[in-house]
Amino acid sequence: MFRALLAAFSLLSVLPVPVALRAEDFRRGVAFFPLVGYALGGFLALLALLPLPVGLLAALQAAFLLGLTGFLHLDGLLDAADALLGHRPREERLRILKDPHLGPFAFGVGGLYLLLLWQALALAQDPRFLLLFPGFARFAFLPFLHLYPLLGPGMAAAVRGGPWGLALLLALPFPLLFPLPALLALLAAFLVARLALARLGGLNGDILGAMISLAELFALLGYALWKNLGG
């Protein structure tokens, strides 16, 4: 169990892992994906306690959230944007997905994403919410990972088939406390998965990164709606 927990942190964060891990450790680590999110959320919640202007706090929180994940999920979002958007045949989309260079859709989506992430974090300075939402975002993509086909070997294939029942239990506090943000996070993950299925034929690690990034963003935007509706 301990090795599986370390594998989850190795996959989803830049926090150091002191032991060598096996392929089975990564698959079993799926169960602990929400715990990685809670560790990240703990940093955000602690930052929210600092007596700083809310705009600066949100910028610091965005930097921590992106930096502690090695910008991997953001990179996946940018690669997915180039591959999924626009009018191209499937073969061209798959080639673009493997291309390390960024195109116009990546720059446009990336800029809008960072702007919305910063503003949404500024509206969500509830430490309890900040602690929980990254954990739920790291669960939200798991049902679709196990439901839809994969594009080939890689990170997605390494964790597919892992025991995500425990991940569901660990992620439950968020939807119980914040049902609208949780619903929107699941919706974001679903929409990315469906678009990838329709335009690429399946999922890979970049698509999973996009699903996590947008699940986080939609959860944050859902919190703003939740508060405005008197939740």
Protein backbone atom coordinates (compact mmCIF):
# COMPACT_ATOMS: atom_id res chain seq x y z
CA MET A 1 0.00 0.00 0.00
CA PHE A 2 2.82 2.39 0.87
CA ARG A 3 4.51 1.83 -2.49
CA ALA A 4 1.20 2.45 -4.26
CA LEU A 5 0.82 5.74 -2.39
CA LEU A 6 4.33 6.76 -3.41
CA ALA A 7 3.52 5.82 -7.01
CA ALA A 8 0.49 8.12 -6.96
CA PHE A 9 2.65 11.02 -5.80
CA SER A 10 5.28 10.17 -8.41
CA LEU A 11 2.73 10.28 -11.22
CA LEU A 12 0.79 13.39 -10.23
CA SER A 13 3.28 15.69 -8.49
CA VAL A 14 6.93 16.68 -8.30
CA LEU A 15 7.17 15.66 -4.63
CA PRO A 16 10.21 13.37 -4.25
CA VAL A 17 9.76 9.59 -4.03
CA PRO A 18 12.64 7.81 -2.25
CA VAL A 19 12.24 4.28 -3.67
CA ALA A 20 12.21 2.58 -7.07
CA LEU A 21 8.71 1.67 -8.21
CA ARG A 22 7.30 -1.16 -10.31
CA ALA A 23 4.59 -1.07 -12.97
CA GLU A 24 2.13 -2.70 -10.57
CA ASP A 25 2.77 0.06 -8.01
CA PHE A 26 1.61 2.68 -10.50
CA ARG A 27 -1.56 0.75 -11.30
CA ARG A 28 -2.38 0.28 -7.62
CA GLY A 29 -1.55 3.94 -7.00
CA VAL A 30 -4.81 4.91 -8.73
CA ALA A 31 -6.55 4.31 -5.39
CA PHE A 32 -4.62 7.19 -3.84
CA PHE A 33 -4.93 9.83 -6.54
CA PRO A 34 -7.29 11.99 -4.41
CA LEU A 35 -4.73 12.00 -1.59
CA VAL A 36 -2.21 13.60 -3.94
CA GLY A 37 -4.81 16.27 -4.66
CA TYR A 38 -5.39 16.83 -0.96
CA ALA A 39 -1.67 17.34 -0.44
CA LEU A 40 -1.70 19.99 -3.18
CA GLY A 41 -4.88 21.49 -1.77
CA GLY A 42 -3.27 21.72 1.65
CA PHE A 43 -0.71 24.14 0.24
CA LEU A 44 -3.50 26.24 -1.29
CA ALA A 45 -5.46 26.28 1.95
CA LEU A 46 -2.42 27.37 3.95
CA LEU A 47 -1.73 30.16 1.47
CA ALA A 48 -5.32 31.38 1.89
CA LEU A 49 -4.52 32.13 5.54
CA LEU A 50 -1.83 34.66 4.61
CA PRO A 51 -2.80 38.35 5.09
CA LEU A 52 -2.24 39.27 1.43
CA PRO A 53 -4.45 40.91 -1.21
CA VAL A 54 -6.75 38.33 -2.75
CA GLY A 55 -5.37 38.86 -6.27
CA LEU A 56 -1.83 38.15 -5.08
CA LEU A 57 -3.01 35.14 -3.09
CA ALA A 58 -4.72 33.70 -6.16
CA ALA A 59 -1.60 34.21 -8.26
CA LEU A 60 0.53 32.43 -5.64
CA GLN A 61 -1.98 29.59 -5.40
CA ALA A 62 -2.02 29.15 -9.17
CA ALA A 63 1.78 29.08 -9.18
CA PHE A 64 1.85 26.43 -6.44
CA LEU A 65 -0.84 24.32 -8.06
CA LEU A 66 0.92 24.32 -11.43
CA GLY A 67 4.45 24.14 -10.07
CA LEU A 68 3.88 21.25 -7.67
CA THR A 69 2.54 19.19 -10.57
CA GLY A 70 5.54 20.03 -12.74
CA PHE A 71 3.17 21.84 -15.14
CA LEU A 72 2.38 18.37 -16.56
CA HIS A 73 -1.40 18.76 -16.53
CA LEU A 74 -1.14 22.18 -18.13
CA ASP A 75 1.16 20.72 -20.77
CA GLY A 76 -1.45 18.06 -21.46
CA LEU A 77 -4.13 20.73 -21.82
CA LEU A 78 -2.02 22.67 -24.33
CA ASP A 79 -1.19 19.57 -26.40
CA ALA A 80 -4.83 18.48 -26.32
CA ALA A 81 -6.03 21.91 -27.43
CA ASP A 82 -3.88 21.81 -30.57
CA ALA A 83 -4.95 18.25 -31.37
CA LEU A 84 -8.67 18.49 -30.60
CA LEU A 85 -9.63 21.93 -31.88
CA GLY A 86 -9.92 23.07 -35.47
CA HIS A 87 -10.86 21.12 -38.61
CA ARG A 88 -8.39 18.35 -39.43
CA PRO A 89 -8.49 14.66 -40.30
CA ARG A 90 -7.89 12.22 -37.45
CA GLU A 91 -4.43 11.25 -38.66
CA GLU A 92 -3.33 14.87 -38.54
CA ARG A 93 -4.76 15.30 -35.05
CA LEU A 94 -2.82 12.29 -33.81
CA ARG A 95 0.38 13.63 -35.34
CA ILE A 96 -0.16 17.00 -33.67
CA LEU A 97 -0.78 15.32 -30.33
CA LYS A 98 2.73 13.83 -30.48
CA ASP A 99 4.34 17.07 -31.67
CA PRO A 100 6.21 18.86 -28.81
CA HIS A 101 5.72 22.27 -30.43
CA LEU A 102 2.79 24.50 -29.48
CA GLY A 103 0.33 25.85 -32.02
CA PRO A 104 -2.15 28.75 -31.92
CA PHE A 105 -4.88 26.78 -30.14
CA ALA A 106 -2.45 25.91 -27.35
CA PHE A 107 -1.49 29.55 -26.82
CA GLY A 108 -5.10 30.72 -26.94
CA VAL A 109 -6.47 28.03 -24.63
CA GLY A 110 -3.48 28.34 -22.29
CA GLY A 111 -3.87 32.09 -21.93
CA LEU A 112 -7.60 31.86 -21.26
CA TYR A 113 -7.10 28.97 -18.85
CA LEU A 114 -4.53 30.84 -16.74
CA LEU A 115 -6.66 33.97 -16.66
CA LEU A 116 -9.76 32.03 -15.58
CA LEU A 117 -7.79 29.95 -13.07
CA TRP A 118 -6.41 33.07 -11.40
CA GLN A 119 -9.79 34.80 -11.25
CA ALA A 120 -11.60 31.68 -10.07
CA LEU A 121 -9.07 31.11 -7.29
CA ALA A 122 -9.57 34.72 -6.19
CA LEU A 123 -13.27 33.93 -5.74
CA ALA A 124 -12.66 30.68 -3.85
CA GLN A 125 -10.66 31.51 -0.74
CA ASP A 126 -12.52 29.04 1.48
CA PRO A 127 -9.72 26.84 2.95
CA ARG A 128 -12.01 23.82 3.11
CA PHE A 129 -12.85 24.08 -0.58
CA LEU A 130 -9.23 24.72 -1.51
CA LEU A 131 -8.16 21.61 0.37
CA LEU A 132 -10.68 19.32 -1.31
CA PHE A 133 -11.15 20.36 -4.94
CA PRO A 134 -7.76 19.18 -6.30
CA GLY A 135 -8.41 15.74 -4.81
CA PHE A 136 -11.77 15.41 -6.54
CA ALA A 137 -10.30 16.59 -9.86
CA ARG A 138 -7.84 13.70 -9.65
CA PHE A 139 -10.72 11.30 -9.26
CA ALA A 140 -13.02 12.86 -11.88
CA PHE A 141 -11.18 11.43 -14.89
CA LEU A 142 -10.93 7.85 -13.57
CA PRO A 143 -14.37 6.56 -14.62
CA PHE A 144 -13.75 7.71 -18.20
CA LEU A 145 -10.21 6.32 -18.23
CA HIS A 146 -11.65 2.88 -17.49
CA LEU A 147 -14.57 3.30 -19.90
CA TYR A 148 -12.99 4.64 -23.11
CA PRO A 149 -10.28 3.11 -25.33
CA LEU A 150 -6.65 4.21 -25.16
CA LEU A 151 -4.49 5.52 -27.98
CA GLY A 152 -1.50 3.39 -27.05
CA PRO A 153 1.07 2.76 -24.29
CA GLY A 154 2.02 5.49 -21.86
CA MET A 155 0.87 7.00 -18.60
CA ALA A 156 -2.83 6.32 -19.25
CA ALA A 157 -2.14 2.66 -20.03
CA ALA A 158 0.08 2.37 -16.94
CA VAL A 159 -2.76 3.24 -14.56
CA ARG A 160 -5.75 1.81 -16.39
CA GLY A 161 -7.29 -1.09 -14.50
CA GLY A 162 -6.21 0.26 -11.12
CA PRO A 163 -8.54 -0.05 -8.11
CA TRP A 164 -10.43 3.23 -8.28
CA GLY A 165 -13.14 2.20 -5.79
CA LEU A 166 -11.01 3.47 -2.91
CA ALA A 167 -10.35 6.65 -4.89
CA LEU A 168 -14.11 7.19 -5.05
CA LEU A 169 -14.40 6.84 -1.26
CA LEU A 170 -11.50 9.23 -0.69
CA ALA A 171 -13.03 11.77 -3.09
CA LEU A 172 -16.55 11.66 -1.57
CA PRO A 173 -16.19 14.55 0.92
CA PHE A 174 -16.03 17.06 -1.93
CA PRO A 175 -19.35 16.21 -3.67
CA LEU A 176 -21.05 15.89 -0.28
CA LEU A 177 -19.98 19.40 0.70
CA PHE A 178 -19.91 21.06 -2.73
CA PRO A 179 -22.29 19.20 -5.07
CA LEU A 180 -22.47 21.80 -7.86
CA PRO A 181 -18.69 22.23 -8.22
CA ALA A 182 -18.29 18.43 -8.15
CA LEU A 183 -20.92 17.99 -10.87
CA LEU A 184 -19.21 20.58 -13.08
CA ALA A 185 -15.80 18.94 -12.54
CA LEU A 186 -17.22 15.61 -13.70
CA LEU A 187 -18.89 17.32 -16.64
CA ALA A 188 -15.57 18.88 -17.71
CA ALA A 189 -13.78 15.54 -17.58
CA PHE A 190 -16.61 13.88 -19.51
CA LEU A 191 -16.66 16.52 -22.25
CA VAL A 192 -12.91 16.27 -22.83
CA ALA A 193 -13.12 12.47 -22.92
CA ARG A 194 -16.01 12.50 -25.39
CA LEU A 195 -14.27 15.00 -27.64
CA ALA A 196 -11.09 12.92 -27.58
CA LEU A 197 -13.06 9.79 -28.39
CA ALA A 198 -14.80 11.46 -31.32
CA ARG A 199 -11.76 13.21 -32.81
CA LEU A 200 -8.84 10.98 -31.82
CA GLY A 201 -10.39 7.61 -31.11
CA GLY A 202 -9.36 7.39 -27.46
CA LEU A 203 -7.43 8.78 -24.51
CA ASN A 204 -3.77 9.18 -23.61
CA GLY A 205 -1.74 10.95 -20.94
CA ASP A 206 -2.13 14.39 -22.52
CA ILE A 207 -5.91 13.98 -22.57
CA LEU A 208 -5.88 12.95 -18.91
CA GLY A 209 -3.87 16.07 -18.09
CA ALA A 210 -6.45 18.19 -19.90
CA MET A 211 -9.24 16.43 -18.01
CA ILE A 212 -7.60 17.17 -14.65
CA SER A 213 -6.87 20.81 -15.53
CA LEU A 214 -10.40 21.53 -16.71
CA ALA A 215 -11.98 19.58 -13.85
CA GLU A 216 -10.11 21.85 -11.44
CA LEU A 217 -11.16 24.97 -13.33
CA PHE A 218 -14.81 23.93 -13.62
CA ALA A 219 -14.88 23.08 -9.90
CA LEU A 220 -13.57 26.55 -9.09
CA LEU A 221 -16.06 28.23 -11.39
CA GLY A 222 -18.79 26.06 -9.89
CA TYR A 223 -17.82 27.33 -6.45
CA ALA A 224 -18.36 30.90 -7.61
CA LEU A 225 -21.84 29.94 -8.87
CA TRP A 226 -22.50 27.97 -5.68
CA LYS A 227 -21.76 30.99 -3.49
CA ASN A 228 -23.81 33.34 -5.68
CA LEU A 229 -26.75 30.93 -5.45
CA GLY A 230 -26.47 30.94 -1.68
CA GLY A 231 -24.98 27.45 -1.27
